[in-house]
C-alpha atoms as a PDB file:
ATOM      1  CA  MET A   1      -2.299  20.471   3.529  1.00  0.00           C
ATOM      2  CA  ALA A   2       0.601  22.828   3.081  1.00  0.00           C
ATOM      3  CA  CYS A   3       3.062  23.554   0.328  1.00  0.00           C
ATOM      4  CA  SER A   4       6.435  21.942   0.945  1.00  0.00           C
ATOM      5  CA  PRO A   5       9.265  24.401   1.648  1.00  0.00           C
ATOM      6  CA  GLU A   6      11.198  23.085  -1.365  1.00  0.00           C
ATOM      7  CA  ALA A   7       8.262  23.586  -3.736  1.00  0.00           C
ATOM      8  CA  GLN A   8       7.571  27.074  -2.338  1.00  0.00           C
ATOM      9  CA  ARG A   9      11.203  28.085  -2.732  1.00  0.00           C
ATOM     10  CA  ALA A  10      11.346  26.774  -6.333  1.00  0.00           C
ATOM     11  CA  TYR A  11       8.091  28.583  -7.189  1.00  0.00           C
ATOM     12  CA  ASN A  12       9.362  31.884  -5.737  1.00  0.00           C
ATOM     13  CA  GLU A  13      12.683  31.540  -7.557  1.00  0.00           C
ATOM     14  CA  ARG A  14      10.871  30.992 -10.892  1.00  0.00           C
ATOM     15  CA  LEU A  15       8.725  34.079 -10.294  1.00  0.00           C
ATOM     16  CA  ASP A  16      11.713  36.184  -9.256  1.00  0.00           C
ATOM     17  CA  ARG A  17      13.593  35.197 -12.433  1.00  0.00           C
ATOM     18  CA  ARG A  18      10.566  36.080 -14.597  1.00  0.00           C
ATOM     19  CA  LEU A  19      10.188  39.459 -12.854  1.00  0.00           C
ATOM     20  CA  GLU A  20      13.849  40.460 -13.314  1.00  0.00           C
ATOM     21  CA  GLY A  21      14.107  43.472 -15.583  1.00  0.00           C
ATOM     22  CA  THR A  22      10.369  44.205 -15.548  1.00  0.00           C
ATOM     23  CA  VAL A  23       8.888  47.527 -14.576  1.00  0.00           C
ATOM     24  CA  TRP A  24       7.454  45.844 -11.482  1.00  0.00           C
ATOM     25  CA  ASN A  25      10.928  45.104 -10.118  1.00  0.00           C
ATOM     26  CA  ALA A  26      12.920  47.992 -11.584  1.00  0.00           C
ATOM     27  CA  GLY A  27      13.458  49.491  -8.130  1.00  0.00           C
ATOM     28  CA  ASN A  28      13.803  53.000  -9.565  1.00  0.00           C
ATOM     29  CA  CYS A  29      10.825  54.203  -7.609  1.00  0.00           C
ATOM     30  CA  ARG A  30       8.965  53.514  -4.411  1.00  0.00           C
ATOM     31  CA  SER A  31       6.345  50.932  -5.246  1.00  0.00           C
ATOM     32  CA  TRP A  32       3.747  49.369  -3.006  1.00  0.00           C
ATOM     33  CA  TYR A  33       4.283  46.180  -5.032  1.00  0.00           C
ATOM     34  CA  LEU A  34       7.748  45.728  -3.530  1.00  0.00           C
ATOM     35  CA  ASP A  35       8.215  44.355  -0.027  1.00  0.00           C
ATOM     36  CA  GLU A  36      10.914  45.433   2.447  1.00  0.00           C
ATOM     37  CA  HIS A  37      13.417  43.198   0.621  1.00  0.00           C
ATOM     38  CA  GLY A  38      12.724  44.692  -2.820  1.00  0.00           C
ATOM     39  CA  ARG A  39      10.762  41.607  -3.953  1.00  0.00           C
ATOM     40  CA  SER A  40       7.425  41.754  -5.686  1.00  0.00           C
ATOM     41  CA  PRO A  41       5.512  38.858  -4.065  1.00  0.00           C
ATOM     42  CA  SER A  42       2.096  39.850  -5.396  1.00  0.00           C
ATOM     43  CA  ILE A  43       2.680  40.274  -9.134  1.00  0.00           C
ATOM     44  CA  TRP A  44       2.250  37.487 -11.669  1.00  0.00           C
ATOM     45  CA  PRO A  45       4.841  38.195 -14.395  1.00  0.00           C
ATOM     46  CA  THR A  46       2.927  36.966 -17.416  1.00  0.00           C
ATOM     47  CA  TYR A  47      -0.559  36.312 -18.793  1.00  0.00           C
ATOM     48  CA  THR A  48      -3.448  35.418 -16.487  1.00  0.00           C
ATOM     49  CA  TRP A  49      -4.264  32.321 -18.535  1.00  0.00           C
ATOM     50  CA  ARG A  50      -0.778  31.045 -17.725  1.00  0.00           C
ATOM     51  CA  PHE A  51      -1.445  31.641 -14.026  1.00  0.00           C
ATOM     52  CA  ARG A  52      -4.660  29.660 -14.272  1.00  0.00           C
ATOM     53  CA  ARG A  53      -2.903  26.828 -16.095  1.00  0.00           C
ATOM     54  CA  ALA A  54      -0.007  26.788 -13.617  1.00  0.00           C
ATOM     55  CA  THR A  55      -2.274  26.741 -10.580  1.00  0.00           C
ATOM     56  CA  SER A  56      -4.852  24.294 -11.926  1.00  0.00           C
ATOM     57  CA  ARG A  57      -2.642  21.255 -11.439  1.00  0.00           C
ATOM     58  CA  PHE A  58      -2.101  19.616  -8.070  1.00  0.00           C
ATOM     59  CA  ASP A  59       1.026  17.594  -7.409  1.00  0.00           C
ATOM     60  CA  PRO A  60       0.824  15.791  -4.037  1.00  0.00           C
ATOM     61  CA  ALA A  61       4.632  15.426  -4.054  1.00  0.00           C
ATOM     62  CA  GLU A  62       4.930  19.198  -3.675  1.00  0.00           C
ATOM     63  CA  HIS A  63       2.723  19.308  -0.582  1.00  0.00           C
ATOM     64  CA  LEU A  64       2.807  18.181   3.003  1.00  0.00           C
ATOM     65  CA  LEU A  65      -0.365  16.176   3.518  1.00  0.00           C
ATOM     66  CA  SER A  66      -1.778  15.065   6.836  1.00  0.00           C
ATOM     67  CA  THR A  67      -5.039  13.775   8.191  1.00  0.00           C
ATOM     68  CA  SER A  68      -6.975  14.865  11.237  1.00  0.00           C
ATOM     69  CA  GLU A  69      -5.718  11.645  12.830  1.00  0.00           C
ATOM     70  CA  ASP A  70      -2.120  12.846  12.320  1.00  0.00           C
ATOM     71  CA  LEU A  71      -2.932  16.154  14.018  1.00  0.00           C
ATOM     72  CA  ARG A  72      -4.937  14.812  16.940  1.00  0.00           C
ATOM     73  CA  THR A  73      -3.350  15.039  20.360  1.00  0.00           C
ATOM     74  CA  PRO A  74      -2.525  11.543  21.616  1.00  0.00           C
ATOM     75  CA  GLY A  75      -5.127  10.275  24.032  1.00  0.00           C
ATOM     76  CA  THR A  76      -8.010  12.391  22.727  1.00  0.00           C
ATOM     77  CA  PRO A  77     -11.007  10.635  21.225  1.00  0.00           C
ATOM     78  CA  PRO A  78     -11.647  10.882  17.491  1.00  0.00           C
ATOM     79  CA  PRO A  79     -14.269  13.374  16.355  1.00  0.00           C
ATOM     80  CA  ALA A  80     -17.857  12.188  16.036  1.00  0.00           C
ATOM     81  CA  PRO A  81     -18.706  10.885  12.564  1.00  0.00           C
ATOM     82  CA  THR A  82     -20.404  13.343  10.275  1.00  0.00           C
ATOM     83  CA  VAL A  83     -23.400  12.697   8.099  1.00  0.00           C
ATOM     84  CA  ALA A  84     -22.369  11.976   4.538  1.00  0.00           C
ATOM     85  CA  ARG A  85     -23.680  14.481   2.041  1.00  0.00           C
ATOM     86  CA  ARG A  86     -24.392  14.011  -1.617  1.00  0.00           C
ATOM     87  CA  PRO A  87     -21.207  14.926  -3.507  1.00  0.00           C
ATOM     88  CA  THR A  88     -21.357  17.827  -5.893  1.00  0.00           C
ATOM     89  CA  ALA A  89     -19.062  18.915  -8.662  1.00  0.00           C
ATOM     90  CA  TYR A  90     -18.709  22.359  -7.063  1.00  0.00           C
ATOM     91  CA  PRO A  91     -18.984  22.058  -3.272  1.00  0.00           C
ATOM     92  CA  HIS A  92     -18.192  25.764  -2.792  1.00  0.00           C
ATOM     93  CA  VAL A  93     -21.273  26.805  -4.812  1.00  0.00           C
ATOM     94  CA  PRO A  94     -24.485  26.840  -2.780  1.00  0.00           C
ATOM     95  CA  ALA A  95     -27.356  24.701  -3.988  1.00  0.00           C
ATOM     96  CA  PRO A  96     -29.967  26.684  -5.910  1.00  0.00           C
ATOM     97  CA  ALA A  97     -33.025  27.743  -3.995  1.00  0.00           C
ATOM     98  CA  LYS A  98     -36.221  25.887  -4.802  1.00  0.00           C
ATOM     99  CA  THR A  99     -38.238  27.936  -7.231  1.00  0.00           C
ATOM    100  CA  ARG A 100     -41.766  27.725  -8.452  1.00  0.00           C
ATOM    101  CA  ARG A 101     -42.993  28.395 -11.910  1.00  0.00           C
ATOM    102  CA  LEU A 102     -44.777  31.700 -12.450  1.00  0.00           C
ATOM    103  CA  ARG A 103     -47.944  31.671 -14.498  1.00  0.00           C
END
């Protein structure tokens, strides 16, 4: 999965417009926030809750999606099947260790 070039460009243009006139992009001093082109690619120009809201939605139309089948070199066998695991709501969070009750 990758962001489409059009969506990335539109996102960067929105951020650049929001950063215009801010202290982060003033350009009156040397700032480690600014890249070699005078852009500030690492600063979110508004509240963090707005960042969370903006990045919590996924629009497949704004991404280039492919499967492992799409990426496989022609003529190579498919990967061996994997064992299905019980789905969890938060796959990135490790399962809790088994604990015993203390008396």
